[in-house]
Amino acid sequence: MSTMRDRYHAMAMKLTRRQWLCGAVVLLPPRSNAQARFPSRPVTLWVPWPAGGATDLTLRLLADGASRDLGQKVYVENRAGAGGTLAMPILQQAAADGYTIAQLPQPILRAPWTQKVLWDPIRDVTPIIQISGVTFGVVVPESSPLHSLEDLFAWARTHPGALTVSTNGVGTTPHVVMDELMRRGGLTYIHVPFKGTAEQMVAVASGQLMAGVNSNGFAPFVDSGRLRLLVTFGEHRTKRWPQVPTLKELGHDIVATSPYGLGGPRGLPGAIVHALHDAFKAAMFEPAHVAELAKYDQELNYLGPDDYARSLREAYAAEKRTVERLGLLRAQ
């Protein structure tokens, strides 16, 4: 009898606990819409270059595509200057909620080795997606007597310190590559940095400067016959200008494409990273975006969050080695 009563008591206790747990579940407050779905408001994408340049135009098209997938507008804001690094302080100070993201250009991996900055491109960034790389090259006015890179070097040898060369900023890839080329040849030149590609190309095309080094924003000027492209910096000759040699094949052993992508603030939750990644991945493979990249001789160079994070770490270490080799490493 005692055993049977004990069994009934145990069953009653289990039932009571089960009922209580079910009641507790029912009493839990429902998640708000803001918690249940990201994004619940517009996202801001910071581009560290002036409006109207090649990178700005392609990223605006990409943002429009991602907006459709996210169900919220992705607004593009520009913060140009400091060699493409001015979006980093924004990311460092932004909340890790996914509503503030930025383009991550190559200079953010170089600047901390050459100057004192308050941010770290690895510590303060959550990588989201790698998108593409760029075609760099050296251009001169179409009326210039310089028809090859060797012509440019020869002029610099006979006119020490008189060659005027513009780039898209101090510490950018074009600046670093040009410094390396001139250093190897024992040559000197006048460096003229610009904030934006369009302004720079107009200055070169009009003859205010002898040469310009930049990314593929020079494409319309070259195709229209206003500029002459002397050399490109990629692994292989471009499909767009197959007659133009690369630095590598000219014997300079330099390849530079500066892959770029998007990142968010440090500590961005995984679910938000994946929501942003999926939206921008879908947008980057849309034919309109691929065609826009092709206007500037760019191709897709996709990496997901984990692979992109690994690539950034490797590139950051490689930039330190490059800066050390050039004697530009800042005192720690």
C-alpha atoms as a PDB file:
ATOM      1  CA  MET A   1       0.000   0.000   0.000  1.00  0.00           C
ATOM      2  CA  SER A   2       2.785   2.396   0.970  1.00  0.00           C
ATOM      3  CA  THR A   3       4.553   1.674  -2.308  1.00  0.00           C
ATOM      4  CA  MET A   4       1.430   2.375  -4.344  1.00  0.00           C
ATOM      5  CA  ARG A   5       0.844   5.670  -2.518  1.00  0.00           C
ATOM      6  CA  ASP A   6       4.469   6.642  -3.162  1.00  0.00           C
ATOM      7  CA  ARG A   7       4.012   5.965  -6.882  1.00  0.00           C
ATOM      8  CA  TYR A   8       0.869   8.104  -7.055  1.00  0.00           C
ATOM      9  CA  HIS A   9       2.677  10.875  -5.163  1.00  0.00           C
ATOM     10  CA  ALA A  10       5.635  10.771  -7.562  1.00  0.00           C
ATOM     11  CA  MET A  11       3.336  10.877 -10.583  1.00  0.00           C
ATOM     12  CA  ALA A  12       1.481  13.849  -9.131  1.00  0.00           C
ATOM     13  CA  MET A  13       4.770  15.680  -8.511  1.00  0.00           C
ATOM     14  CA  LYS A  14       5.926  15.064 -12.108  1.00  0.00           C
ATOM     15  CA  LEU A  15       2.616  16.262 -13.459  1.00  0.00           C
ATOM     16  CA  THR A  16       2.774  19.337 -11.277  1.00  0.00           C
ATOM     17  CA  ARG A  17       6.316  20.155 -12.427  1.00  0.00           C
ATOM     18  CA  ARG A  18       5.365  19.559 -16.065  1.00  0.00           C
ATOM     19  CA  GLN A  19       2.359  21.810 -15.752  1.00  0.00           C
ATOM     20  CA  TRP A  20       4.456  24.506 -14.067  1.00  0.00           C
ATOM     21  CA  LEU A  21       7.096  24.373 -16.802  1.00  0.00           C
ATOM     22  CA  CYS A  22       4.464  24.633 -19.505  1.00  0.00           C
ATOM     23  CA  GLY A  23       2.937  27.560 -17.707  1.00  0.00           C
ATOM     24  CA  ALA A  24       6.343  29.227 -17.432  1.00  0.00           C
ATOM     25  CA  VAL A  25       6.848  28.919 -21.170  1.00  0.00           C
ATOM     26  CA  VAL A  26       3.481  30.464 -21.821  1.00  0.00           C
ATOM     27  CA  LEU A  27       4.234  33.324 -19.429  1.00  0.00           C
ATOM     28  CA  LEU A  28       7.537  34.247 -21.150  1.00  0.00           C
ATOM     29  CA  PRO A  29       7.162  37.603 -22.972  1.00  0.00           C
ATOM     30  CA  PRO A  30       7.300  37.327 -26.767  1.00  0.00           C
ATOM     31  CA  ARG A  31      10.442  38.647 -28.490  1.00  0.00           C
ATOM     32  CA  SER A  32      10.072  42.081 -30.004  1.00  0.00           C
ATOM     33  CA  ASN A  33      10.284  42.507 -33.787  1.00  0.00           C
ATOM     34  CA  ALA A  34      13.621  44.332 -33.372  1.00  0.00           C
ATOM     35  CA  GLN A  35      15.057  41.321 -31.542  1.00  0.00           C
ATOM     36  CA  ALA A  36      13.529  38.766 -33.880  1.00  0.00           C
ATOM     37  CA  ARG A  37      14.777  40.210 -37.157  1.00  0.00           C
ATOM     38  CA  PHE A  38      17.768  42.206 -38.322  1.00  0.00           C
ATOM     39  CA  PRO A  39      17.671  44.856 -39.680  1.00  0.00           C
ATOM     40  CA  SER A  40      14.679  46.745 -38.370  1.00  0.00           C
ATOM     41  CA  ARG A  41      15.969  50.112 -39.646  1.00  0.00           C
ATOM     42  CA  PRO A  42      18.388  51.415 -42.321  1.00  0.00           C
ATOM     43  CA  VAL A  43      22.055  50.413 -42.372  1.00  0.00           C
ATOM     44  CA  THR A  44      24.863  52.904 -43.077  1.00  0.00           C
ATOM     45  CA  LEU A  45      27.802  51.842 -45.245  1.00  0.00           C
ATOM     46  CA  TRP A  46      30.805  54.165 -44.885  1.00  0.00           C
ATOM     47  CA  VAL A  47      33.045  54.538 -47.928  1.00  0.00           C
ATOM     48  CA  PRO A  48      36.452  56.160 -47.200  1.00  0.00           C
ATOM     49  CA  TRP A  49      36.722  57.723 -50.661  1.00  0.00           C
ATOM     50  CA  PRO A  50      35.054  60.717 -52.332  1.00  0.00           C
ATOM     51  CA  ALA A  51      31.668  60.349 -54.008  1.00  0.00           C
ATOM     52  CA  GLY A  52      31.797  59.722 -57.736  1.00  0.00           C
ATOM     53  CA  GLY A  53      34.924  57.552 -57.879  1.00  0.00           C
ATOM     54  CA  ALA A  54      34.981  53.971 -59.150  1.00  0.00           C
ATOM     55  CA  THR A  55      34.859  52.372 -55.695  1.00  0.00           C
ATOM     56  CA  ASP A  56      32.080  54.676 -54.554  1.00  0.00           C
ATOM     57  CA  LEU A  57      29.946  53.984 -57.630  1.00  0.00           C
ATOM     58  CA  THR A  58      30.308  50.207 -57.457  1.00  0.00           C
ATOM     59  CA  LEU A  59      29.596  50.142 -53.720  1.00  0.00           C
ATOM     60  CA  ARG A  60      26.468  52.270 -54.170  1.00  0.00           C
ATOM     61  CA  LEU A  61      25.153  49.769 -56.686  1.00  0.00           C
ATOM     62  CA  LEU A  62      26.056  46.945 -54.308  1.00  0.00           C
ATOM     63  CA  ALA A  63      24.270  48.695 -51.438  1.00  0.00           C
ATOM     64  CA  ASP A  64      21.115  49.030 -53.524  1.00  0.00           C
ATOM     65  CA  GLY A  65      21.157  45.303 -54.232  1.00  0.00           C
ATOM     66  CA  ALA A  66      21.719  44.402 -50.581  1.00  0.00           C
ATOM     67  CA  SER A  67      18.876  46.730 -49.552  1.00  0.00           C
ATOM     68  CA  ARG A  68      16.394  44.614 -51.474  1.00  0.00           C
ATOM     69  CA  ASP A  69      17.498  41.442 -49.707  1.00  0.00           C
ATOM     70  CA  LEU A  70      17.654  43.025 -46.244  1.00  0.00           C
ATOM     71  CA  GLY A  71      14.303  44.752 -46.554  1.00  0.00           C
ATOM     72  CA  GLN A  72      15.885  47.973 -45.303  1.00  0.00           C
ATOM     73  CA  LYS A  73      17.773  50.708 -47.114  1.00  0.00           C
ATOM     74  CA  VAL A  74      21.579  50.632 -47.032  1.00  0.00           C
ATOM     75  CA  TYR A  75      22.719  54.248 -47.162  1.00  0.00           C
ATOM     76  CA  VAL A  76      26.214  55.109 -48.406  1.00  0.00           C
ATOM     77  CA  GLU A  77      28.142  57.862 -46.618  1.00  0.00           C
ATOM     78  CA  ASN A  78      31.556  59.128 -47.724  1.00  0.00           C
ATOM     79  CA  ARG A  79      34.445  60.054 -45.464  1.00  0.00           C
ATOM     80  CA  ALA A  80      37.435  60.682 -47.691  1.00  0.00           C
ATOM     81  CA  GLY A  81      40.992  61.516 -46.739  1.00  0.00           C
ATOM     82  CA  ALA A  82      43.953  60.077 -44.810  1.00  0.00           C
ATOM     83  CA  GLY A  83      44.670  57.561 -47.553  1.00  0.00           C
ATOM     84  CA  GLY A  84      41.362  55.709 -47.198  1.00  0.00           C
ATOM     85  CA  THR A  85      41.537  55.080 -43.443  1.00  0.00           C
ATOM     86  CA  LEU A  86      38.892  57.477 -42.076  1.00  0.00           C
ATOM     87  CA  ALA A  87      36.148  54.868 -41.768  1.00  0.00           C
ATOM     88  CA  MET A  88      38.157  53.022 -39.126  1.00  0.00           C
ATOM     89  CA  PRO A  89      37.482  55.495 -36.258  1.00  0.00           C
ATOM     90  CA  ILE A  90      33.788  55.242 -37.145  1.00  0.00           C
ATOM     91  CA  LEU A  91      33.822  51.456 -36.832  1.00  0.00           C
ATOM     92  CA  GLN A  92      35.835  51.609 -33.630  1.00  0.00           C
ATOM     93  CA  GLN A  93      33.248  53.844 -31.964  1.00  0.00           C
ATOM     94  CA  ALA A  94      30.097  52.276 -33.449  1.00  0.00           C
ATOM     95  CA  ALA A  95      27.752  49.946 -31.594  1.00  0.00           C
ATOM     96  CA  ALA A  96      28.110  46.275 -32.535  1.00  0.00           C
ATOM     97  CA  ASP A  97      24.549  46.079 -33.830  1.00  0.00           C
ATOM     98  CA  GLY A  98      25.110  45.845 -37.589  1.00  0.00           C
ATOM     99  CA  TYR A  99      23.745  49.265 -38.472  1.00  0.00           C
ATOM    100  CA  THR A 100      27.197  50.734 -39.117  1.00  0.00           C
ATOM    101  CA  ILE A 101      29.516  48.966 -41.578  1.00  0.00           C
ATOM    102  CA  ALA A 102      32.377  50.144 -43.795  1.00  0.00           C
ATOM    103  CA  GLN A 103      34.517  49.324 -46.772  1.00  0.00           C
ATOM    104  CA  LEU A 104      37.903  47.943 -45.730  1.00  0.00           C
ATOM    105  CA  PRO A 105      40.573  49.087 -48.213  1.00  0.00           C
ATOM    106  CA  GLN A 106      44.188  47.926 -48.156  1.00  0.00           C
ATOM    107  CA  PRO A 107      45.588  51.130 -46.549  1.00  0.00           C
ATOM    108  CA  ILE A 108      43.973  50.270 -43.191  1.00  0.00           C
ATOM    109  CA  LEU A 109      46.339  47.302 -43.018  1.00  0.00           C
ATOM    110  CA  ARG A 110      49.364  49.488 -43.731  1.00  0.00           C
ATOM    111  CA  ALA A 111      48.732  52.692 -41.799  1.00  0.00           C
ATOM    112  CA  PRO A 112      49.248  51.266 -38.268  1.00  0.00           C
ATOM    113  CA  TRP A 113      52.782  50.223 -39.254  1.00  0.00           C
ATOM    114  CA  THR A 114      53.739  53.644 -40.623  1.00  0.00           C
ATOM    115  CA  GLN A 115      51.975  56.043 -38.237  1.00  0.00           C
ATOM    116  CA  LYS A 116      50.371  56.142 -34.828  1.00  0.00           C
ATOM    117  CA  VAL A 117      46.648  55.408 -34.957  1.00  0.00           C
ATOM    118  CA  LEU A 118      44.140  54.713 -32.197  1.00  0.00           C
ATOM    119  CA  TRP A 119      42.512  51.762 -33.940  1.00  0.00           C
ATOM    120  CA  ASP A 120      43.581  48.280 -34.964  1.00  0.00           C
ATOM    121  CA  PRO A 121      42.355  46.788 -38.280  1.00  0.00           C
ATOM    122  CA  ILE A 122      42.184  43.277 -36.833  1.00  0.00           C
ATOM    123  CA  ARG A 123      41.081  43.887 -33.235  1.00  0.00           C
ATOM    124  CA  ASP A 124      38.448  46.531 -34.027  1.00  0.00           C
ATOM    125  CA  VAL A 125      36.823  44.907 -37.083  1.00  0.00           C
ATOM    126  CA  THR A 126      34.414  42.042 -37.671  1.00  0.00           C
ATOM    127  CA  PRO A 127      34.992  40.900 -41.281  1.00  0.00           C
ATOM    128  CA  ILE A 128      31.798  40.335 -43.260  1.00  0.00           C
ATOM    129  CA  ILE A 129      32.672  39.699 -46.901  1.00  0.00           C
ATOM    130  CA  GLN A 130      35.463  40.242 -49.436  1.00  0.00           C
ATOM    131  CA  ILE A 131      34.171  41.638 -52.712  1.00  0.00           C
ATOM    132  CA  SER A 132      36.835  42.444 -55.286  1.00  0.00           C
ATOM    133  CA  GLY A 133      40.267  43.819 -56.003  1.00  0.00           C
ATOM    134  CA  VAL A 134      41.404  46.656 -58.208  1.00  0.00           C
ATOM    135  CA  THR A 135      43.616  47.255 -61.213  1.00  0.00           C
ATOM    136  CA  PHE A 136      46.355  49.758 -60.473  1.00  0.00           C
ATOM    137  CA  GLY A 137      48.449  51.453 -63.093  1.00  0.00           C
ATOM    138  CA  VAL A 138      50.604  54.408 -64.134  1.00  0.00           C
ATOM    139  CA  VAL A 139      49.063  56.909 -66.533  1.00  0.00           C
ATOM    140  CA  VAL A 140      50.380  59.965 -68.374  1.00  0.00           C
ATOM    141  CA  PRO A 141      48.650  62.543 -70.584  1.00  0.00           C
ATOM    142  CA  GLU A 142      47.991  61.288 -74.092  1.00  0.00           C
ATOM    143  CA  SER A 143      50.186  64.153 -75.397  1.00  0.00           C
ATOM    144  CA  SER A 144      53.103  63.096 -73.176  1.00  0.00           C
ATOM    145  CA  PRO A 145      56.387  62.056 -74.857  1.00  0.00           C
ATOM    146  CA  LEU A 146      56.579  59.215 -72.296  1.00  0.00           C
ATOM    147  CA  HIS A 147      55.385  55.996 -73.933  1.00  0.00           C
ATOM    148  CA  SER A 148      56.649  53.408 -71.455  1.00  0.00           C
ATOM    149  CA  LEU A 149      57.609  53.018 -67.812  1.00  0.00           C
ATOM    150  CA  GLU A 150      61.267  53.036 -68.847  1.00  0.00           C
ATOM    151  CA  ASP A 151      60.694  56.376 -70.599  1.00  0.00           C
ATOM    152  CA  LEU A 152      59.378  57.754 -67.306  1.00  0.00           C
ATOM    153  CA  PHE A 153      62.406  56.441 -65.398  1.00  0.00           C
ATOM    154  CA  ALA A 154      64.777  57.796 -68.039  1.00  0.00           C
ATOM    155  CA  TRP A 155      63.213  61.273 -67.763  1.00  0.00           C
ATOM    156  CA  ALA A 156      63.524  61.124 -63.965  1.00  0.00           C
ATOM    157  CA  ARG A 157      67.223  60.201 -64.270  1.00  0.00           C
ATOM    158  CA  THR A 158      67.986  63.176 -66.477  1.00  0.00           C
ATOM    159  CA  HIS A 159      65.798  65.572 -64.443  1.00  0.00           C
ATOM    160  CA  PRO A 160      66.503  64.662 -60.785  1.00  0.00           C
ATOM    161  CA  GLY A 161      63.667  65.589 -58.438  1.00  0.00           C
ATOM    162  CA  ALA A 162      61.584  67.236 -61.185  1.00  0.00           C
ATOM    163  CA  LEU A 163      59.161  64.413 -62.071  1.00  0.00           C
ATOM    164  CA  THR A 164      55.672  65.180 -60.687  1.00  0.00           C
ATOM    165  CA  VAL A 165      53.622  62.098 -59.849  1.00  0.00           C
ATOM    166  CA  SER A 166      50.183  62.079 -58.245  1.00  0.00           C
ATOM    167  CA  THR A 167      48.603  59.271 -56.242  1.00  0.00           C
ATOM    168  CA  ASN A 168      45.334  58.850 -54.340  1.00  0.00           C
ATOM    169  CA  GLY A 169      46.965  59.633 -51.000  1.00  0.00           C
ATOM    170  CA  VAL A 170      49.964  59.234 -48.732  1.00  0.00           C
ATOM    171  CA  GLY A 171      50.452  55.616 -47.719  1.00  0.00           C
ATOM    172  CA  THR A 172      48.100  54.181 -50.330  1.00  0.00           C
ATOM    173  CA  THR A 173      49.138  51.239 -52.492  1.00  0.00           C
ATOM    174  CA  PRO A 174      49.943  53.455 -55.523  1.00  0.00           C
ATOM    175  CA  HIS A 175      52.143  55.656 -53.334  1.00  0.00           C
ATOM    176  CA  VAL A 176      53.975  52.711 -51.761  1.00  0.00           C
ATOM    177  CA  VAL A 177      54.546  51.011 -55.119  1.00  0.00           C
ATOM    178  CA  MET A 178      55.811  54.194 -56.784  1.00  0.00           C
ATOM    179  CA  ASP A 179      58.155  54.855 -53.862  1.00  0.00           C
ATOM    180  CA  GLU A 180      59.517  51.335 -54.168  1.00  0.00           C
ATOM    181  CA  LEU A 181      60.075  51.644 -57.928  1.00  0.00           C
ATOM    182  CA  MET A 182      61.827  54.985 -57.602  1.00  0.00           C
ATOM    183  CA  ARG A 183      63.917  53.813 -54.653  1.00  0.00           C
ATOM    184  CA  ARG A 184      65.122  50.779 -56.587  1.00  0.00           C
ATOM    185  CA  GLY A 185      66.220  53.012 -59.438  1.00  0.00           C
ATOM    186  CA  GLY A 186      67.867  55.559 -57.162  1.00  0.00           C
ATOM    187  CA  LEU A 187      65.419  58.170 -58.472  1.00  0.00           C
ATOM    188  CA  THR A 188      63.591  61.047 -56.836  1.00  0.00           C
ATOM    189  CA  TYR A 189      60.256  62.667 -57.647  1.00  0.00           C
ATOM    190  CA  ILE A 190      57.661  65.126 -56.380  1.00  0.00           C
ATOM    191  CA  HIS A 191      54.704  63.343 -54.833  1.00  0.00           C
ATOM    192  CA  VAL A 192      51.321  65.066 -55.180  1.00  0.00           C
ATOM    193  CA  PRO A 193      48.564  63.261 -53.191  1.00  0.00           C
ATOM    194  CA  PHE A 194      44.893  63.618 -54.109  1.00  0.00           C
ATOM    195  CA  LYS A 195      41.772  62.654 -52.160  1.00  0.00           C
ATOM    196  CA  GLY A 196      39.761  61.552 -55.182  1.00  0.00           C
ATOM    197  CA  THR A 197      40.446  59.711 -58.432  1.00  0.00           C
ATOM    198  CA  ALA A 198      38.328  61.915 -60.705  1.00  0.00           C
ATOM    199  CA  GLU A 199      40.036  65.114 -59.573  1.00  0.00           C
ATOM    200  CA  GLN A 200      43.442  63.473 -59.890  1.00  0.00           C
ATOM    201  CA  MET A 201      42.834  62.147 -63.409  1.00  0.00           C
ATOM    202  CA  VAL A 202      41.628  65.553 -64.619  1.00  0.00           C
ATOM    203  CA  ALA A 203      44.848  67.095 -63.268  1.00  0.00           C
ATOM    204  CA  VAL A 204      46.992  64.533 -65.087  1.00  0.00           C
ATOM    205  CA  ALA A 205      45.003  64.648 -68.331  1.00  0.00           C
ATOM    206  CA  SER A 206      45.247  68.439 -68.423  1.00  0.00           C
ATOM    207  CA  GLY A 207      49.042  68.304 -68.074  1.00  0.00           C
ATOM    208  CA  GLN A 208      49.229  69.827 -64.595  1.00  0.00           C
ATOM    209  CA  LEU A 209      51.124  66.688 -63.541  1.00  0.00           C
ATOM    210  CA  MET A 210      53.423  64.436 -65.535  1.00  0.00           C
ATOM    211  CA  ALA A 211      52.054  61.110 -64.304  1.00  0.00           C
ATOM    212  CA  GLY A 212      49.421  59.598 -62.074  1.00  0.00           C
ATOM    213  CA  VAL A 213      49.272  56.310 -60.193  1.00  0.00           C
ATOM    214  CA  ASN A 214      45.896  55.048 -59.080  1.00  0.00           C
ATOM    215  CA  SER A 215      43.292  52.330 -59.308  1.00  0.00           C
ATOM    216  CA  ASN A 216      40.970  51.640 -62.203  1.00  0.00           C
ATOM    217  CA  GLY A 217      39.068  54.911 -61.894  1.00  0.00           C
ATOM    218  CA  PHE A 218      41.373  55.992 -64.709  1.00  0.00           C
ATOM    219  CA  ALA A 219      39.561  53.630 -67.106  1.00  0.00           C
ATOM    220  CA  PRO A 220      37.185  56.183 -68.709  1.00  0.00           C
ATOM    221  CA  PHE A 221      40.087  58.581 -69.265  1.00  0.00           C
ATOM    222  CA  VAL A 222      42.202  55.877 -70.892  1.00  0.00           C
ATOM    223  CA  ASP A 223      39.353  54.585 -73.056  1.00  0.00           C
ATOM    224  CA  SER A 224      38.461  58.096 -74.207  1.00  0.00           C
ATOM    225  CA  GLY A 225      42.057  58.779 -75.243  1.00  0.00           C
ATOM    226  CA  ARG A 226      42.778  61.466 -72.658  1.00  0.00           C
ATOM    227  CA  LEU A 227      45.334  59.346 -70.777  1.00  0.00           C
ATOM    228  CA  ARG A 228      47.909  56.760 -71.812  1.00  0.00           C
ATOM    229  CA  LEU A 229      48.307  53.688 -69.586  1.00  0.00           C
ATOM    230  CA  LEU A 230      51.969  52.679 -69.287  1.00  0.00           C
ATOM    231  CA  VAL A 231      51.818  49.672 -66.958  1.00  0.00           C
ATOM    232  CA  THR A 232      49.466  47.774 -64.644  1.00  0.00           C
ATOM    233  CA  PHE A 233      50.215  46.117 -61.294  1.00  0.00           C
ATOM    234  CA  GLY A 234      48.315  42.817 -61.537  1.00  0.00           C
ATOM    235  CA  GLU A 235      49.555  39.250 -61.842  1.00  0.00           C
ATOM    236  CA  HIS A 236      48.568  39.172 -65.514  1.00  0.00           C
ATOM    237  CA  ARG A 237      47.751  41.655 -68.260  1.00  0.00           C
ATOM    238  CA  THR A 238      44.194  42.911 -68.120  1.00  0.00           C
ATOM    239  CA  LYS A 239      41.464  41.782 -70.500  1.00  0.00           C
ATOM    240  CA  ARG A 240      40.576  45.402 -71.100  1.00  0.00           C
ATOM    241  CA  TRP A 241      44.068  46.605 -72.051  1.00  0.00           C
ATOM    242  CA  PRO A 242      45.946  43.467 -73.170  1.00  0.00           C
ATOM    243  CA  GLN A 243      48.600  45.560 -74.921  1.00  0.00           C
ATOM    244  CA  VAL A 244      49.737  47.107 -71.603  1.00  0.00           C
ATOM    245  CA  PRO A 245      52.493  45.187 -69.731  1.00  0.00           C
ATOM    246  CA  THR A 246      52.554  44.437 -66.016  1.00  0.00           C
ATOM    247  CA  LEU A 247      55.235  45.462 -63.553  1.00  0.00           C
ATOM    248  CA  LYS A 248      56.021  41.796 -63.035  1.00  0.00           C
ATOM    249  CA  GLU A 249      56.727  41.056 -66.672  1.00  0.00           C
ATOM    250  CA  LEU A 250      58.906  44.162 -66.874  1.00  0.00           C
ATOM    251  CA  GLY A 251      61.106  42.584 -64.220  1.00  0.00           C
ATOM    252  CA  HIS A 252      60.016  44.553 -61.146  1.00  0.00           C
ATOM    253  CA  ASP A 253      58.530  41.557 -59.271  1.00  0.00           C
ATOM    254  CA  ILE A 254      55.654  43.597 -57.814  1.00  0.00           C
ATOM    255  CA  VAL A 255      52.009  42.477 -57.852  1.00  0.00           C
ATOM    256  CA  ALA A 256      49.406  44.688 -56.168  1.00  0.00           C
ATOM    257  CA  THR A 257      45.624  44.324 -56.393  1.00  0.00           C
ATOM    258  CA  SER A 258      44.508  45.506 -52.922  1.00  0.00           C
ATOM    259  CA  PRO A 259      41.524  43.222 -52.299  1.00  0.00           C
ATOM    260  CA  TYR A 260      38.730  44.942 -50.385  1.00  0.00           C
ATOM    261  CA  GLY A 261      35.533  44.029 -48.634  1.00  0.00           C
ATOM    262  CA  LEU A 262      33.136  45.064 -45.905  1.00  0.00           C
ATOM    263  CA  GLY A 263      33.427  44.909 -42.135  1.00  0.00           C
ATOM    264  CA  GLY A 264      31.530  45.888 -39.033  1.00  0.00           C
ATOM    265  CA  PRO A 265      32.543  46.897 -35.517  1.00  0.00           C
ATOM    266  CA  ARG A 266      34.305  44.554 -33.129  1.00  0.00           C
ATOM    267  CA  GLY A 267      32.034  41.941 -31.549  1.00  0.00           C
ATOM    268  CA  LEU A 268      29.332  41.891 -34.203  1.00  0.00           C
ATOM    269  CA  PRO A 269      27.016  38.921 -33.400  1.00  0.00           C
ATOM    270  CA  GLY A 270      27.253  35.957 -35.732  1.00  0.00           C
ATOM    271  CA  ALA A 271      23.589  36.094 -36.773  1.00  0.00           C
ATOM    272  CA  ILE A 272      23.989  39.712 -37.885  1.00  0.00           C
ATOM    273  CA  VAL A 273      27.250  38.955 -39.702  1.00  0.00           C
ATOM    274  CA  HIS A 274      25.518  36.211 -41.664  1.00  0.00           C
ATOM    275  CA  ALA A 275      22.483  38.367 -42.469  1.00  0.00           C
ATOM    276  CA  LEU A 276      24.726  41.084 -43.886  1.00  0.00           C
ATOM    277  CA  HIS A 277      26.988  38.587 -45.632  1.00  0.00           C
ATOM    278  CA  ASP A 278      24.105  36.825 -47.355  1.00  0.00           C
ATOM    279  CA  ALA A 279      22.551  40.077 -48.555  1.00  0.00           C
ATOM    280  CA  PHE A 280      25.794  41.490 -49.945  1.00  0.00           C
ATOM    281  CA  LYS A 281      26.857  38.170 -51.458  1.00  0.00           C
ATOM    282  CA  ALA A 282      23.590  37.964 -53.370  1.00  0.00           C
ATOM    283  CA  ALA A 283      24.015  41.567 -54.513  1.00  0.00           C
ATOM    284  CA  MET A 284      27.647  41.202 -55.591  1.00  0.00           C
ATOM    285  CA  PHE A 285      26.797  38.345 -57.981  1.00  0.00           C
ATOM    286  CA  GLU A 286      23.950  40.263 -59.626  1.00  0.00           C
ATOM    287  CA  PRO A 287      24.715  40.925 -63.335  1.00  0.00           C
ATOM    288  CA  ALA A 288      24.381  44.700 -62.905  1.00  0.00           C
ATOM    289  CA  HIS A 289      27.099  44.760 -60.230  1.00  0.00           C
ATOM    290  CA  VAL A 290      29.387  42.437 -62.189  1.00  0.00           C
ATOM    291  CA  ALA A 291      28.966  44.689 -65.229  1.00  0.00           C
ATOM    292  CA  GLU A 292      29.719  47.810 -63.182  1.00  0.00           C
ATOM    293  CA  LEU A 293      32.939  46.245 -61.889  1.00  0.00           C
ATOM    294  CA  ALA A 294      33.896  45.330 -65.444  1.00  0.00           C
ATOM    295  CA  LYS A 295      33.761  49.013 -66.392  1.00  0.00           C
ATOM    296  CA  TYR A 296      36.845  49.432 -64.196  1.00  0.00           C
ATOM    297  CA  ASP A 297      38.462  46.134 -65.164  1.00  0.00           C
ATOM    298  CA  GLN A 298      37.519  44.528 -61.840  1.00  0.00           C
ATOM    299  CA  GLU A 299      36.348  40.995 -61.173  1.00  0.00           C
ATOM    300  CA  LEU A 300      34.642  39.379 -58.206  1.00  0.00           C
ATOM    301  CA  ASN A 301      37.001  38.039 -55.542  1.00  0.00           C
ATOM    302  CA  TYR A 302      34.612  36.567 -52.985  1.00  0.00           C
ATOM    303  CA  LEU A 303      35.545  35.395 -49.500  1.00  0.00           C
ATOM    304  CA  GLY A 304      33.136  34.606 -46.664  1.00  0.00           C
ATOM    305  CA  PRO A 305      33.552  35.895 -43.083  1.00  0.00           C
ATOM    306  CA  ASP A 306      36.021  33.266 -41.823  1.00  0.00           C
ATOM    307  CA  ASP A 307      38.211  33.191 -44.941  1.00  0.00           C
ATOM    308  CA  TYR A 308      38.138  36.966 -45.173  1.00  0.00           C
ATOM    309  CA  ALA A 309      39.240  37.278 -41.546  1.00  0.00           C
ATOM    310  CA  ARG A 310      42.158  34.926 -42.208  1.00  0.00           C
ATOM    311  CA  SER A 311      43.107  36.855 -45.367  1.00  0.00           C
ATOM    312  CA  LEU A 312      43.089  40.159 -43.469  1.00  0.00           C
ATOM    313  CA  ARG A 313      45.383  38.758 -40.779  1.00  0.00           C
ATOM    314  CA  GLU A 314      47.801  37.469 -43.391  1.00  0.00           C
ATOM    315  CA  ALA A 315      47.739  40.744 -45.332  1.00  0.00           C
ATOM    316  CA  TYR A 316      48.320  42.742 -42.142  1.00  0.00           C
ATOM    317  CA  ALA A 317      51.465  40.722 -41.394  1.00  0.00           C
ATOM    318  CA  ALA A 318      52.603  41.059 -45.015  1.00  0.00           C
ATOM    319  CA  GLU A 319      52.173  44.838 -44.882  1.00  0.00           C
ATOM    320  CA  LYS A 320      54.494  44.996 -41.888  1.00  0.00           C
ATOM    321  CA  ARG A 321      57.168  43.153 -43.851  1.00  0.00           C
ATOM    322  CA  THR A 322      56.726  45.519 -46.807  1.00  0.00           C
ATOM    323  CA  VAL A 323      56.933  48.607 -44.633  1.00  0.00           C
ATOM    324  CA  GLU A 324      60.048  47.253 -42.900  1.00  0.00           C
ATOM    325  CA  ARG A 325      61.680  46.584 -46.269  1.00  0.00           C
ATOM    326  CA  LEU A 326      60.973  50.139 -47.383  1.00  0.00           C
ATOM    327  CA  GLY A 327      62.325  51.565 -44.143  1.00  0.00           C
ATOM    328  CA  LEU A 328      58.965  53.125 -43.292  1.00  0.00           C
ATOM    329  CA  LEU A 329      58.194  51.218 -40.069  1.00  0.00           C
ATOM    330  CA  ARG A 330      57.359  53.705 -37.336  1.00  0.00           C
ATOM    331  CA  ALA A 331      59.128  53.612 -33.997  1.00  0.00           C
ATOM    332  CA  GLN A 332      57.080  51.553 -31.561  1.00  0.00           C
END
